[in-house]
C-alpha atoms as a PDB file:
ATOM      1  CA  MET A   1       0.000   0.000   0.000  1.00  0.00           C
ATOM      2  CA  GLY A   2       2.399   2.675  -1.152  1.00  0.00           C
ATOM      3  CA  ASP A   3      -0.056   5.440  -2.012  1.00  0.00           C
ATOM      4  CA  SER A   4      -0.398   8.425   0.273  1.00  0.00           C
ATOM      5  CA  GLY A   5      -4.106   7.902   0.956  1.00  0.00           C
ATOM      6  CA  SER A   6      -3.580   4.494   2.584  1.00  0.00           C
ATOM      7  CA  ARG A   7      -0.346   5.230   4.444  1.00  0.00           C
ATOM      8  CA  THR A   8      -0.563   3.730   7.927  1.00  0.00           C
ATOM      9  CA  ARG A   9       2.934   4.423   9.206  1.00  0.00           C
ATOM     10  CA  PRO A  10       4.357   7.933   9.395  1.00  0.00           C
ATOM     11  CA  LEU A  11       6.660   9.217   6.689  1.00  0.00           C
ATOM     12  CA  GLY A  12      10.211   9.061   8.047  1.00  0.00           C
ATOM     13  CA  VAL A  13      12.076  12.354   7.760  1.00  0.00           C
ATOM     14  CA  GLU A  14      15.683  12.549   8.946  1.00  0.00           C
ATOM     15  CA  VAL A  15      17.548  15.838   9.010  1.00  0.00           C
ATOM     16  CA  ILE A  16      21.335  15.651   9.119  1.00  0.00           C
ATOM     17  CA  THR A  17      22.653  18.974  10.353  1.00  0.00           C
ATOM     18  CA  TYR A  18      25.118  20.549  12.728  1.00  0.00           C
ATOM     19  CA  ALA A  19      23.346  20.537  16.077  1.00  0.00           C
ATOM     20  CA  PRO A  20      24.342  22.114  19.373  1.00  0.00           C
ATOM     21  CA  THR A  21      25.596  19.621  21.924  1.00  0.00           C
ATOM     22  CA  VAL A  22      24.678  20.124  25.543  1.00  0.00           C
ATOM     23  CA  PHE A  23      26.348  18.053  28.218  1.00  0.00           C
ATOM     24  CA  ARG A  24      24.404  17.280  31.353  1.00  0.00           C
ATOM     25  CA  HIS A  25      25.522  16.729  34.903  1.00  0.00           C
ATOM     26  CA  CYS A  26      24.762  13.642  36.937  1.00  0.00           C
ATOM     27  CA  GLN A  27      21.107  13.058  37.781  1.00  0.00           C
ATOM     28  CA  HIS A  28      21.499  14.310  41.368  1.00  0.00           C
ATOM     29  CA  CYS A  29      23.132  17.560  40.256  1.00  0.00           C
ATOM     30  CA  GLU A  30      20.468  18.098  37.560  1.00  0.00           C
ATOM     31  CA  ILE A  31      17.754  17.789  40.218  1.00  0.00           C
ATOM     32  CA  ALA A  32      19.569  20.186  42.552  1.00  0.00           C
ATOM     33  CA  PHE A  33      20.187  22.711  39.743  1.00  0.00           C
ATOM     34  CA  GLY A  34      16.537  22.435  38.721  1.00  0.00           C
ATOM     35  CA  GLN A  35      15.333  23.135  42.242  1.00  0.00           C
ATOM     36  CA  VAL A  36      17.385  26.305  42.526  1.00  0.00           C
ATOM     37  CA  GLY A  37      16.255  27.404  39.060  1.00  0.00           C
ATOM     38  CA  ILE A  38      19.559  27.463  37.192  1.00  0.00           C
ATOM     39  CA  ALA A  39      19.363  24.240  35.121  1.00  0.00           C
ATOM     40  CA  ASP A  40      17.314  25.587  32.185  1.00  0.00           C
ATOM     41  CA  ARG A  41      19.259  28.843  31.958  1.00  0.00           C
ATOM     42  CA  ALA A  42      22.618  27.043  32.092  1.00  0.00           C
ATOM     43  CA  GLN A  43      21.573  24.577  29.363  1.00  0.00           C
ATOM     44  CA  ARG A  44      20.246  27.373  27.119  1.00  0.00           C
ATOM     45  CA  ASP A  45      23.510  29.293  27.584  1.00  0.00           C
ATOM     46  CA  GLU A  46      25.556  26.171  26.822  1.00  0.00           C
ATOM     47  CA  ALA A  47      23.484  25.382  23.703  1.00  0.00           C
ATOM     48  CA  ALA A  48      23.855  28.964  22.469  1.00  0.00           C
ATOM     49  CA  LYS A  49      27.645  28.697  22.771  1.00  0.00           C
ATOM     50  CA  ALA A  50      27.914  25.166  21.312  1.00  0.00           C
ATOM     51  CA  LEU A  51      28.026  26.342  17.689  1.00  0.00           C
ATOM     52  CA  PRO A  52      29.441  29.377  15.899  1.00  0.00           C
ATOM     53  CA  PRO A  53      26.811  32.013  15.031  1.00  0.00           C
ATOM     54  CA  ASP A  54      26.383  30.969  11.366  1.00  0.00           C
ATOM     55  CA  LEU A  55      25.771  27.312  12.267  1.00  0.00           C
ATOM     56  CA  LEU A  56      23.483  28.336  15.110  1.00  0.00           C
ATOM     57  CA  ASP A  57      21.453  30.394  12.594  1.00  0.00           C
ATOM     58  CA  ASP A  58      21.286  27.344  10.302  1.00  0.00           C
ATOM     59  CA  PHE A  59      20.124  25.174  13.192  1.00  0.00           C
ATOM     60  CA  GLN A  60      17.413  27.704  14.070  1.00  0.00           C
ATOM     61  CA  ARG A  61      16.228  27.668  10.438  1.00  0.00           C
ATOM     62  CA  VAL A  62      16.107  23.838  10.487  1.00  0.00           C
ATOM     63  CA  SER A  63      14.276  23.895  13.816  1.00  0.00           C
ATOM     64  CA  ASP A  64      11.678  26.324  12.465  1.00  0.00           C
ATOM     65  CA  TRP A  65      11.242  24.139   9.351  1.00  0.00           C
ATOM     66  CA  VAL A  66      10.786  20.975  11.436  1.00  0.00           C
ATOM     67  CA  HIS A  67       8.216  22.666  13.689  1.00  0.00           C
ATOM     68  CA  ALA A  68       6.252  23.916  10.657  1.00  0.00           C
ATOM     69  CA  LEU A  69       6.378  20.443   9.084  1.00  0.00           C
ATOM     70  CA  LEU A  70       5.071  18.834  12.275  1.00  0.00           C
ATOM     71  CA  GLU A  71       2.389  21.494  12.637  1.00  0.00           C
ATOM     72  CA  ARG A  72       1.125  20.795   9.099  1.00  0.00           C
ATOM     73  CA  HIS A  73       1.353  17.011   9.083  1.00  0.00           C
ATOM     74  CA  GLY A  74       1.257  15.993  12.752  1.00  0.00           C
ATOM     75  CA  ASP A  75       1.656  12.274  13.306  1.00  0.00           C
ATOM     76  CA  ARG A  76       1.809  11.562   9.563  1.00  0.00           C
ATOM     77  CA  VAL A  77       5.548  12.389   9.759  1.00  0.00           C
ATOM     78  CA  LYS A  78       8.217  11.159  12.143  1.00  0.00           C
ATOM     79  CA  VAL A  79      11.139  13.585  12.234  1.00  0.00           C
ATOM     80  CA  THR A  80      14.592  12.707  13.531  1.00  0.00           C
ATOM     81  CA  VAL A  81      17.425  15.228  13.749  1.00  0.00           C
ATOM     82  CA  VAL A  82      20.918  13.744  13.491  1.00  0.00           C
ATOM     83  CA  ASP A  83      24.037  15.741  14.383  1.00  0.00           C
ATOM     84  CA  ALA A  84      26.289  15.781  11.315  1.00  0.00           C
ATOM     85  CA  VAL A  85      29.434  15.318  13.428  1.00  0.00           C
ATOM     86  CA  SER A  86      28.124  12.357  15.412  1.00  0.00           C
ATOM     87  CA  ILE A  87      29.046   8.811  14.433  1.00  0.00           C
ATOM     88  CA  GLU A  88      25.515   8.272  13.109  1.00  0.00           C
ATOM     89  CA  GLY A  89      25.612  11.558  11.189  1.00  0.00           C
ATOM     90  CA  SER A  90      29.006  10.768   9.681  1.00  0.00           C
ATOM     91  CA  TRP A  91      27.841   7.301   8.639  1.00  0.00           C
ATOM     92  CA  LYS A  92      24.590   8.567   7.095  1.00  0.00           C
ATOM     93  CA  SER A  93      26.472  11.333   5.284  1.00  0.00           C
ATOM     94  CA  LEU A  94      28.909   8.835   3.782  1.00  0.00           C
ATOM     95  CA  ARG A  95      26.190   6.319   2.950  1.00  0.00           C
ATOM     96  CA  HIS A  96      23.976   8.860   1.182  1.00  0.00           C
ATOM     97  CA  GLY A  97      26.720  10.987  -0.368  1.00  0.00           C
ATOM     98  CA  VAL A  98      25.820  14.076   1.680  1.00  0.00           C
ATOM     99  CA  ARG A  99      28.354  16.900   1.419  1.00  0.00           C
ATOM    100  CA  ARG A 100      26.226  19.916   2.443  1.00  0.00           C
ATOM    101  CA  TYR A 101      24.083  20.477   5.492  1.00  0.00           C
ATOM    102  CA  PRO A 102      21.322  20.506   6.417  1.00  0.00           C
ATOM    103  CA  ALA A 103      20.465  17.423   4.362  1.00  0.00           C
ATOM    104  CA  VAL A 104      17.135  15.642   4.467  1.00  0.00           C
ATOM    105  CA  LEU A 105      16.421  11.956   4.019  1.00  0.00           C
ATOM    106  CA  VAL A 106      12.822  10.903   3.404  1.00  0.00           C
ATOM    107  CA  ASP A 107      12.023   7.250   4.063  1.00  0.00           C
ATOM    108  CA  GLY A 108      15.753   6.521   3.994  1.00  0.00           C
ATOM    109  CA  LYS A 109      16.465   8.186   0.651  1.00  0.00           C
ATOM    110  CA  ARG A 110      18.285  11.467   0.100  1.00  0.00           C
ATOM    111  CA  ALA A 111      15.754  14.200  -0.603  1.00  0.00           C
ATOM    112  CA  GLY A 112      18.145  17.151  -0.801  1.00  0.00           C
ATOM    113  CA  THR A 113      19.471  20.189   1.013  1.00  0.00           C
ATOM    114  CA  ASP A 114      16.910  22.750  -0.192  1.00  0.00           C
ATOM    115  CA  LEU A 115      14.367  22.751   2.643  1.00  0.00           C
ATOM    116  CA  ALA A 116      11.719  24.529   0.558  1.00  0.00           C
ATOM    117  CA  ALA A 117      11.972  21.918  -2.225  1.00  0.00           C
ATOM    118  CA  VAL A 118      11.914  19.052   0.284  1.00  0.00           C
ATOM    119  CA  ASP A 119       8.900  20.699   1.939  1.00  0.00           C
ATOM    120  CA  ARG A 120       6.982  20.754  -1.362  1.00  0.00           C
ATOM    121  CA  SER A 121       7.918  17.131  -2.029  1.00  0.00           C
ATOM    122  CA  ILE A 122       6.699  16.000   1.410  1.00  0.00           C
ATOM    123  CA  ASP A 123       3.484  18.025   1.065  1.00  0.00           C
ATOM    124  CA  ALA A 124       2.786  16.433  -2.336  1.00  0.00           C
ATOM    125  CA  ARG A 125       3.566  12.965  -1.030  1.00  0.00           C
ATOM    126  CA  LEU A 126       1.208  13.345   1.930  1.00  0.00           C
ATOM    127  CA  ALA A 127      -1.546  15.168   0.032  1.00  0.00           C
ATOM    128  CA  PRO A 128      -4.806  13.216  -0.197  1.00  0.00           C
ATOM    129  CA  GLU A 129      -5.357  11.614  -3.578  1.00  0.00           C
ATOM    130  CA  ARG A 130      -7.229  13.793  -6.044  1.00  0.00           C
ATOM    131  CA  GLY A 131     -10.568  12.397  -7.165  1.00  0.00           C
ATOM    132  CA  ALA A 132     -10.635   9.629  -4.572  1.00  0.00           C
ATOM    133  CA  ALA A 133     -14.146   9.042  -3.279  1.00  0.00           C
END
């Protein structure tokens, strides 16, 4: 059942991009920091400093795109973000011939690096069939 009207599982969308890395403390320290109100602020500050400004801007653009995609399609898509410099990101980049980021894979196949074009492709793929009644 490959047509979009009978799709029962969500469309898999993976985004390979540079993502900020935030290291956490041990569970006890996280609880203590949370109780005194500094955990969220410290993690936001660390995430903001984890990437240079241009890559942080790219990550914000990807984040906005993912949120819009989820808002439009809800549970019909399953989005995974993979850090390009992680082992998984490096492997997927090599496997799919990715050389520019962000790169999007849809159902395990390279869809491209142009988010607007990928967006249109996903919208068309998930659109209800015309004339079906």
